Amino acid sequence: MSARNGDKSRFNRERKQKIARRKRTHELLERAAKASKSANTPVGAQPRAASA
């Protein structure tokens, strides 16, 4: 490691890891949102009158 440039290899490795982590997290959240949206809307469900 040089005094002028710092530890470029470690910085770039960690930068790439952070970018990949953000991408994975974003994709996971998108998939979870799609799954919950499709699970919350039942097909053909109609409101029923409550009998008292």
PDB file of N, CA and C in Angstrom:
ATOM      1  N   MET A   1       0.853  -1.169   0.000  1.00  0.00           N
ATOM      2  CA  MET A   1       0.000   0.000   0.000  1.00  0.00           C
ATOM      3  C   MET A   1       0.901   1.234   0.000  1.00  0.00           C
ATOM      4  N   SER A   2       0.632   2.137  -0.907  1.00  0.00           N
ATOM      5  CA  SER A   2       1.449   3.348  -0.962  1.00  0.00           C
ATOM      6  C   SER A   2       0.811   4.443  -0.116  1.00  0.00           C
ATOM      7  N   ALA A   3       1.612   5.339   0.349  1.00  0.00           N
ATOM      8  CA  ALA A   3       1.096   6.432   1.180  1.00  0.00           C
ATOM      9  C   ALA A   3       0.241   7.393   0.355  1.00  0.00           C
ATOM     10  N   ARG A   4       0.517   7.474  -0.941  1.00  0.00           N
ATOM     11  CA  ARG A   4      -0.187   8.433  -1.783  1.00  0.00           C
ATOM     12  C   ARG A   4      -1.560   7.904  -2.240  1.00  0.00           C
ATOM     13  N   ASN A   5      -1.602   6.656  -2.674  1.00  0.00           N
ATOM     14  CA  ASN A   5      -2.826   6.124  -3.259  1.00  0.00           C
ATOM     15  C   ASN A   5      -3.716   5.377  -2.287  1.00  0.00           C
ATOM     16  N   GLY A   6      -3.212   5.002  -1.161  1.00  0.00           N
ATOM     17  CA  GLY A   6      -4.014   4.249  -0.213  1.00  0.00           C
ATOM     18  C   GLY A   6      -4.179   2.805  -0.655  1.00  0.00           C
ATOM     19  N   ASP A   7      -5.143   2.127  -0.059  1.00  0.00           N
ATOM     20  CA  ASP A   7      -5.347   0.705  -0.332  1.00  0.00           C
ATOM     21  C   ASP A   7      -6.438   0.547  -1.383  1.00  0.00           C
ATOM     22  N   LYS A   8      -6.066   0.728  -2.654  1.00  0.00           N
ATOM     23  CA  LYS A   8      -7.046   0.716  -3.736  1.00  0.00           C
ATOM     24  C   LYS A   8      -7.701  -0.648  -3.921  1.00  0.00           C
ATOM     25  N   SER A   9      -6.930  -1.701  -3.787  1.00  0.00           N
ATOM     26  CA  SER A   9      -7.499  -3.024  -4.047  1.00  0.00           C
ATOM     27  C   SER A   9      -8.586  -3.363  -3.029  1.00  0.00           C
ATOM     28  N   ARG A  10      -8.341  -3.049  -1.762  1.00  0.00           N
ATOM     29  CA  ARG A  10      -9.345  -3.316  -0.734  1.00  0.00           C
ATOM     30  C   ARG A  10     -10.559  -2.424  -0.944  1.00  0.00           C
ATOM     31  N   PHE A  11     -10.341  -1.164  -1.245  1.00  0.00           N
ATOM     32  CA  PHE A  11     -11.443  -0.239  -1.468  1.00  0.00           C
ATOM     33  C   PHE A  11     -12.325  -0.706  -2.623  1.00  0.00           C
ATOM     34  N   ASN A  12     -11.710  -1.091  -3.740  1.00  0.00           N
ATOM     35  CA  ASN A  12     -12.484  -1.527  -4.908  1.00  0.00           C
ATOM     36  C   ASN A  12     -13.214  -2.835  -4.647  1.00  0.00           C
ATOM     37  N   ARG A  13     -12.570  -3.748  -3.907  1.00  0.00           N
ATOM     38  CA  ARG A  13     -13.226  -5.017  -3.572  1.00  0.00           C
ATOM     39  C   ARG A  13     -14.458  -4.767  -2.701  1.00  0.00           C
ATOM     40  N   GLU A  14     -14.302  -3.935  -1.686  1.00  0.00           N
ATOM     41  CA  GLU A  14     -15.432  -3.624  -0.801  1.00  0.00           C
ATOM     42  C   GLU A  14     -16.511  -2.841  -1.535  1.00  0.00           C
ATOM     43  N   ARG A  15     -16.123  -1.977  -2.465  1.00  0.00           N
ATOM     44  CA  ARG A  15     -17.092  -1.209  -3.238  1.00  0.00           C
ATOM     45  C   ARG A  15     -17.946  -2.138  -4.090  1.00  0.00           C
ATOM     46  N   LYS A  16     -17.298  -3.099  -4.744  1.00  0.00           N
ATOM     47  CA  LYS A  16     -18.035  -4.064  -5.563  1.00  0.00           C
ATOM     48  C   LYS A  16     -18.953  -4.928  -4.703  1.00  0.00           C
ATOM     49  N   GLN A  17     -18.496  -5.305  -3.506  1.00  0.00           N
ATOM     50  CA  GLN A  17     -19.335  -6.098  -2.604  1.00  0.00           C
ATOM     51  C   GLN A  17     -20.564  -5.310  -2.166  1.00  0.00           C
ATOM     52  N   LYS A  18     -20.385  -4.021  -1.881  1.00  0.00           N
ATOM     53  CA  LYS A  18     -21.517  -3.191  -1.464  1.00  0.00           C
ATOM     54  C   LYS A  18     -22.537  -3.054  -2.588  1.00  0.00           C
ATOM     55  N   ILE A  19     -22.048  -2.850  -3.818  1.00  0.00           N
ATOM     56  CA  ILE A  19     -22.946  -2.716  -4.965  1.00  0.00           C
ATOM     57  C   ILE A  19     -23.722  -4.008  -5.173  1.00  0.00           C
ATOM     58  N   ALA A  20     -23.050  -5.147  -5.096  1.00  0.00           N
ATOM     59  CA  ALA A  20     -23.714  -6.442  -5.281  1.00  0.00           C
ATOM     60  C   ALA A  20     -24.719  -6.697  -4.164  1.00  0.00           C
ATOM     61  N   ARG A  21     -24.384  -6.318  -2.935  1.00  0.00           N
ATOM     62  CA  ARG A  21     -25.302  -6.511  -1.806  1.00  0.00           C
ATOM     63  C   ARG A  21     -26.563  -5.673  -1.990  1.00  0.00           C
ATOM     64  N   ARG A  22     -26.397  -4.426  -2.421  1.00  0.00           N
ATOM     65  CA  ARG A  22     -27.564  -3.565  -2.656  1.00  0.00           C
ATOM     66  C   ARG A  22     -28.443  -4.131  -3.758  1.00  0.00           C
ATOM     67  N   LYS A  23     -27.822  -4.644  -4.818  1.00  0.00           N
ATOM     68  CA  LYS A  23     -28.575  -5.205  -5.935  1.00  0.00           C
ATOM     69  C   LYS A  23     -29.370  -6.432  -5.488  1.00  0.00           C
ATOM     70  N   ARG A  24     -28.730  -7.328  -4.727  1.00  0.00           N
ATOM     71  CA  ARG A  24     -29.427  -8.523  -4.231  1.00  0.00           C
ATOM     72  C   ARG A  24     -30.585  -8.141  -3.320  1.00  0.00           C
ATOM     73  N   THR A  25     -30.360  -7.180  -2.428  1.00  0.00           N
ATOM     74  CA  THR A  25     -31.403  -6.753  -1.509  1.00  0.00           C
ATOM     75  C   THR A  25     -32.577  -6.146  -2.266  1.00  0.00           C
ATOM     76  N   HIS A  26     -32.276  -5.323  -3.254  1.00  0.00           N
ATOM     77  CA  HIS A  26     -33.327  -4.677  -4.044  1.00  0.00           C
ATOM     78  C   HIS A  26     -34.162  -5.722  -4.781  1.00  0.00           C
ATOM     79  N   GLU A  27     -33.507  -6.701  -5.396  1.00  0.00           N
ATOM     80  CA  GLU A  27     -34.220  -7.756  -6.124  1.00  0.00           C
ATOM     81  C   GLU A  27     -35.067  -8.593  -5.163  1.00  0.00           C
ATOM     82  N   LEU A  28     -34.533  -8.877  -3.982  1.00  0.00           N
ATOM     83  CA  LEU A  28     -35.277  -9.655  -2.999  1.00  0.00           C
ATOM     84  C   LEU A  28     -36.535  -8.914  -2.551  1.00  0.00           C
ATOM     85  N   LEU A  29     -36.402  -7.626  -2.299  1.00  0.00           N
ATOM     86  CA  LEU A  29     -37.554  -6.831  -1.884  1.00  0.00           C
ATOM     87  C   LEU A  29     -38.598  -6.740  -2.993  1.00  0.00           C
ATOM     88  N   GLU A  30     -38.154  -6.616  -4.241  1.00  0.00           N
ATOM     89  CA  GLU A  30     -39.100  -6.574  -5.360  1.00  0.00           C
ATOM     90  C   GLU A  30     -39.871  -7.881  -5.468  1.00  0.00           C
ATOM     91  N   ARG A  31     -39.151  -9.016  -5.341  1.00  0.00           N
ATOM     92  CA  ARG A  31     -39.826 -10.321  -5.421  1.00  0.00           C
ATOM     93  C   ARG A  31     -40.808 -10.509  -4.276  1.00  0.00           C
ATOM     94  N   ALA A  32     -40.435 -10.049  -3.083  1.00  0.00           N
ATOM     95  CA  ALA A  32     -41.325 -10.174  -1.929  1.00  0.00           C
ATOM     96  C   ALA A  32     -42.566  -9.315  -2.120  1.00  0.00           C
ATOM     97  N   ALA A  33     -42.403  -8.135  -2.693  1.00  0.00           N
ATOM     98  CA  ALA A  33     -43.549  -7.261  -2.921  1.00  0.00           C
ATOM     99  C   ALA A  33     -44.496  -7.872  -3.947  1.00  0.00           C
ATOM    100  N   LYS A  34     -43.952  -8.470  -4.988  1.00  0.00           N
ATOM    101  CA  LYS A  34     -44.787  -9.112  -6.005  1.00  0.00           C
ATOM    102  C   LYS A  34     -45.521 -10.313  -5.412  1.00  0.00           C
ATOM    103  N   ALA A  35     -44.841 -11.085  -4.595  1.00  0.00           N
ATOM    104  CA  ALA A  35     -45.446 -12.279  -3.995  1.00  0.00           C
ATOM    105  C   ALA A  35     -46.566 -11.886  -3.036  1.00  0.00           C
ATOM    106  N   SER A  36     -46.344 -10.864  -2.227  1.00  0.00           N
ATOM    107  CA  SER A  36     -47.377 -10.461  -1.275  1.00  0.00           C
ATOM    108  C   SER A  36     -48.554  -9.821  -1.996  1.00  0.00           C
ATOM    109  N   LYS A  37     -48.297  -9.124  -3.080  1.00  0.00           N
ATOM    110  CA  LYS A  37     -49.376  -8.499  -3.836  1.00  0.00           C
ATOM    111  C   LYS A  37     -50.268  -9.564  -4.465  1.00  0.00           C
ATOM    112  N   SER A  38     -49.654 -10.605  -5.021  1.00  0.00           N
ATOM    113  CA  SER A  38     -50.442 -11.662  -5.645  1.00  0.00           C
ATOM    114  C   SER A  38     -51.145 -12.526  -4.588  1.00  0.00           C
ATOM    115  N   ALA A  39     -50.573 -12.651  -3.409  1.00  0.00           N
ATOM    116  CA  ALA A  39     -51.182 -13.451  -2.351  1.00  0.00           C
ATOM    117  C   ALA A  39     -52.351 -12.714  -1.699  1.00  0.00           C
ATOM    118  N   ASN A  40     -52.323 -11.403  -1.691  1.00  0.00           N
ATOM    119  CA  ASN A  40     -53.370 -10.619  -1.038  1.00  0.00           C
ATOM    120  C   ASN A  40     -54.604 -10.424  -1.900  1.00  0.00           C
ATOM    121  N   THR A  41     -54.534 -10.735  -3.177  1.00  0.00           N
ATOM    122  CA  THR A  41     -55.678 -10.543  -4.050  1.00  0.00           C
ATOM    123  C   THR A  41     -56.200 -11.892  -4.507  1.00  0.00           C
ATOM    124  N   PRO A  42     -57.140 -12.485  -3.760  1.00  0.00           N
ATOM    125  CA  PRO A  42     -57.674 -13.781  -4.160  1.00  0.00           C
ATOM    126  C   PRO A  42     -58.513 -13.645  -5.436  1.00  0.00           C
ATOM    127  N   VAL A  43     -58.445 -14.662  -6.263  1.00  0.00           N
ATOM    128  CA  VAL A  43     -59.143 -14.648  -7.536  1.00  0.00           C
ATOM    129  C   VAL A  43     -60.616 -14.972  -7.307  1.00  0.00           C
ATOM    130  N   GLY A  44     -61.489 -14.133  -7.823  1.00  0.00           N
ATOM    131  CA  GLY A  44     -62.914 -14.380  -7.749  1.00  0.00           C
ATOM    132  C   GLY A  44     -63.537 -14.155  -6.387  1.00  0.00           C
ATOM    133  N   ALA A  45     -62.867 -13.500  -5.495  1.00  0.00           N
ATOM    134  CA  ALA A  45     -63.422 -13.262  -4.160  1.00  0.00           C
ATOM    135  C   ALA A  45     -64.393 -12.096  -4.216  1.00  0.00           C
ATOM    136  N   GLN A  46     -65.574 -12.297  -3.627  1.00  0.00           N
ATOM    137  CA  GLN A  46     -66.570 -11.248  -3.571  1.00  0.00           C
ATOM    138  C   GLN A  46     -67.003 -11.080  -2.131  1.00  0.00           C
ATOM    139  N   PRO A  47     -67.329  -9.853  -1.728  1.00  0.00           N
ATOM    140  CA  PRO A  47     -67.765  -9.643  -0.350  1.00  0.00           C
ATOM    141  C   PRO A  47     -69.119 -10.305  -0.095  1.00  0.00           C
ATOM    142  N   ARG A  48     -69.238 -10.893   1.071  1.00  0.00           N
ATOM    143  CA  ARG A  48     -70.479 -11.581   1.430  1.00  0.00           C
ATOM    144  C   ARG A  48     -71.239 -10.741   2.442  1.00  0.00           C
ATOM    145  N   ALA A  49     -72.568 -10.859   2.408  1.00  0.00           N
ATOM    146  CA  ALA A  49     -73.392 -10.153   3.371  1.00  0.00           C
ATOM    147  C   ALA A  49     -73.330 -10.902   4.700  1.00  0.00           C
ATOM    148  N   ALA A  50     -73.131 -10.179   5.766  1.00  0.00           N
ATOM    149  CA  ALA A  50     -73.058 -10.794   7.094  1.00  0.00           C
ATOM    150  C   ALA A  50     -74.471 -11.071   7.597  1.00  0.00           C
ATOM    151  N   SER A  51     -74.735 -12.306   7.973  1.00  0.00           N
ATOM    152  CA  SER A  51     -76.049 -12.642   8.504  1.00  0.00           C
ATOM    153  C   SER A  51     -76.024 -12.499  10.022  1.00  0.00           C
ATOM    154  N   ALA A  52     -76.997 -11.752  10.556  1.00  0.00           N
ATOM    155  CA  ALA A  52     -76.994 -11.513  11.994  1.00  0.00           C
ATOM    156  C   ALA A  52     -78.085 -12.286  12.713  1.00  0.00           C
TER     157      ALA A  52
END
